[in-house]
Amino acid sequence: MKVLWSVMVVVILLLQVRLWVGEGSYAQVWGLQDAIAEQRAENATLAARNERLYAEVRNLQSEQGAIEERARMNLGLIRQDETFYLVVEH
């Protein structure tokens, strides 16, 4: 009888070790859940950035004024009949 109990205790301990340590264990599952949560947060940030970029591209494709405004702001575009004034703040 003692041998049977000893064998059962050893089997239960081995099953517990497999449950808590190794492949498919609770520790691994928790780690993967954390990694999934981090990846989803990063994906949401990147999706928002992509949507802003798509909106900008659609705006540039649809309106000529948007291209001109961008050229004025980023490249310093001045038309031939315009006068450039530089305002310097003290």
C-alpha atoms as a PDB file:
ATOM      1  CA  MET A   1       0.000   0.000   0.000  1.00  0.00           C
ATOM      2  CA  LYS A   2       2.852   2.371   0.836  1.00  0.00           C
ATOM      3  CA  VAL A   3       4.394   1.739  -2.573  1.00  0.00           C
ATOM      4  CA  LEU A   4       1.134   2.639  -4.319  1.00  0.00           C
ATOM      5  CA  TRP A   5       0.859   5.890  -2.332  1.00  0.00           C
ATOM      6  CA  SER A   6       4.477   6.717  -3.069  1.00  0.00           C
ATOM      7  CA  VAL A   7       3.962   6.149  -6.790  1.00  0.00           C
ATOM      8  CA  MET A   8       0.825   8.309  -6.757  1.00  0.00           C
ATOM      9  CA  VAL A   9       2.651  11.135  -4.937  1.00  0.00           C
ATOM     10  CA  VAL A  10       5.515  10.999  -7.437  1.00  0.00           C
ATOM     11  CA  VAL A  11       3.091  11.069 -10.394  1.00  0.00           C
ATOM     12  CA  ILE A  12       1.205  14.029  -8.902  1.00  0.00           C
ATOM     13  CA  LEU A  13       4.470  15.894  -8.311  1.00  0.00           C
ATOM     14  CA  LEU A  14       5.607  15.261 -11.880  1.00  0.00           C
ATOM     15  CA  LEU A  15       2.282  16.527 -13.207  1.00  0.00           C
ATOM     16  CA  GLN A  16       2.569  19.634 -11.042  1.00  0.00           C
ATOM     17  CA  VAL A  17       6.090  20.320 -12.313  1.00  0.00           C
ATOM     18  CA  ARG A  18       4.832  20.049 -15.894  1.00  0.00           C
ATOM     19  CA  LEU A  19       1.982  22.408 -15.041  1.00  0.00           C
ATOM     20  CA  TRP A  20       4.166  25.145 -13.541  1.00  0.00           C
ATOM     21  CA  VAL A  21       7.451  24.790 -15.465  1.00  0.00           C
ATOM     22  CA  GLY A  22       8.267  24.052 -19.098  1.00  0.00           C
ATOM     23  CA  GLU A  23       6.428  24.224 -22.380  1.00  0.00           C
ATOM     24  CA  GLY A  24       2.729  24.939 -22.062  1.00  0.00           C
ATOM     25  CA  SER A  25       3.047  25.888 -18.401  1.00  0.00           C
ATOM     26  CA  TYR A  26       1.211  28.666 -16.638  1.00  0.00           C
ATOM     27  CA  ALA A  27       4.374  30.775 -16.610  1.00  0.00           C
ATOM     28  CA  GLN A  28       4.735  30.516 -20.364  1.00  0.00           C
ATOM     29  CA  VAL A  29       1.061  31.305 -20.932  1.00  0.00           C
ATOM     30  CA  TRP A  30       1.283  34.409 -18.733  1.00  0.00           C
ATOM     31  CA  GLY A  31       4.404  35.561 -20.580  1.00  0.00           C
ATOM     32  CA  LEU A  32       2.714  35.089 -23.945  1.00  0.00           C
ATOM     33  CA  GLN A  33      -0.359  36.999 -22.774  1.00  0.00           C
ATOM     34  CA  ASP A  34       1.862  39.917 -21.739  1.00  0.00           C
ATOM     35  CA  ALA A  35       3.654  39.837 -25.093  1.00  0.00           C
ATOM     36  CA  ILE A  36       0.312  39.806 -26.934  1.00  0.00           C
ATOM     37  CA  ALA A  37      -0.937  42.804 -24.931  1.00  0.00           C
ATOM     38  CA  GLU A  38       2.238  44.772 -25.712  1.00  0.00           C
ATOM     39  CA  GLN A  39       2.003  43.898 -29.409  1.00  0.00           C
ATOM     40  CA  ARG A  40      -1.653  44.952 -29.558  1.00  0.00           C
ATOM     41  CA  ALA A  41      -0.808  48.313 -27.973  1.00  0.00           C
ATOM     42  CA  GLU A  42       1.999  48.858 -30.484  1.00  0.00           C
ATOM     43  CA  ASN A  43      -0.284  47.826 -33.354  1.00  0.00           C
ATOM     44  CA  ALA A  44      -2.926  50.325 -32.212  1.00  0.00           C
ATOM     45  CA  THR A  45      -0.325  53.113 -32.157  1.00  0.00           C
ATOM     46  CA  LEU A  46       0.919  52.192 -35.617  1.00  0.00           C
ATOM     47  CA  ALA A  47      -2.636  51.917 -36.974  1.00  0.00           C
ATOM     48  CA  ALA A  48      -3.401  55.446 -35.741  1.00  0.00           C
ATOM     49  CA  ARG A  49      -0.207  56.744 -37.371  1.00  0.00           C
ATOM     50  CA  ASN A  50      -1.063  54.964 -40.629  1.00  0.00           C
ATOM     51  CA  GLU A  51      -4.567  56.446 -40.627  1.00  0.00           C
ATOM     52  CA  ARG A  52      -3.109  59.956 -40.219  1.00  0.00           C
ATOM     53  CA  LEU A  53      -0.740  59.316 -43.124  1.00  0.00           C
ATOM     54  CA  TYR A  54      -3.553  57.953 -45.319  1.00  0.00           C
ATOM     55  CA  ALA A  55      -5.652  61.020 -44.531  1.00  0.00           C
ATOM     56  CA  GLU A  56      -2.746  63.277 -45.508  1.00  0.00           C
ATOM     57  CA  VAL A  57      -2.217  61.372 -48.757  1.00  0.00           C
ATOM     58  CA  ARG A  58      -5.935  61.583 -49.615  1.00  0.00           C
ATOM     59  CA  ASN A  59      -5.857  65.316 -48.868  1.00  0.00           C
ATOM     60  CA  LEU A  60      -2.811  65.851 -51.089  1.00  0.00           C
ATOM     61  CA  GLN A  61      -4.361  63.827 -53.917  1.00  0.00           C
ATOM     62  CA  SER A  62      -7.706  65.609 -53.836  1.00  0.00           C
ATOM     63  CA  GLU A  63      -6.806  69.262 -53.298  1.00  0.00           C
ATOM     64  CA  GLN A  64      -4.270  71.345 -55.177  1.00  0.00           C
ATOM     65  CA  GLY A  65      -4.278  73.905 -52.356  1.00  0.00           C
ATOM     66  CA  ALA A  66      -2.946  71.335 -49.924  1.00  0.00           C
ATOM     67  CA  ILE A  67       0.124  70.761 -52.066  1.00  0.00           C
ATOM     68  CA  GLU A  68       0.738  74.497 -52.342  1.00  0.00           C
ATOM     69  CA  GLU A  69       0.299  74.974 -48.598  1.00  0.00           C
ATOM     70  CA  ARG A  70       2.763  72.190 -47.896  1.00  0.00           C
ATOM     71  CA  ALA A  71       5.286  73.694 -50.344  1.00  0.00           C
ATOM     72  CA  ARG A  72       4.922  77.095 -48.664  1.00  0.00           C
ATOM     73  CA  MET A  73       5.394  75.728 -45.155  1.00  0.00           C
ATOM     74  CA  ASN A  74       8.161  73.196 -45.793  1.00  0.00           C
ATOM     75  CA  LEU A  75      10.004  74.565 -48.808  1.00  0.00           C
ATOM     76  CA  GLY A  76       9.454  78.329 -48.493  1.00  0.00           C
ATOM     77  CA  LEU A  77       7.539  78.674 -51.761  1.00  0.00           C
ATOM     78  CA  ILE A  78       6.948  82.285 -52.860  1.00  0.00           C
ATOM     79  CA  ARG A  79       5.060  83.122 -56.026  1.00  0.00           C
ATOM     80  CA  GLN A  80       6.428  85.537 -58.571  1.00  0.00           C
ATOM     81  CA  ASP A  81       3.879  88.286 -57.812  1.00  0.00           C
ATOM     82  CA  GLU A  82       4.171  87.998 -54.020  1.00  0.00           C
ATOM     83  CA  THR A  83       6.331  89.992 -51.618  1.00  0.00           C
ATOM     84  CA  PHE A  84       8.096  88.151 -48.817  1.00  0.00           C
ATOM     85  CA  TYR A  85       8.120  89.765 -45.372  1.00  0.00           C
ATOM     86  CA  LEU A  86      10.144  88.262 -42.537  1.00  0.00           C
ATOM     87  CA  VAL A  87       8.836  89.205 -39.105  1.00  0.00           C
ATOM     88  CA  VAL A  88      11.499  88.949 -36.413  1.00  0.00           C
ATOM     89  CA  GLU A  89      10.370  88.764 -32.797  1.00  0.00           C
ATOM     90  CA  HIS A  90      12.601  90.147 -30.056  1.00  0.00           C
END
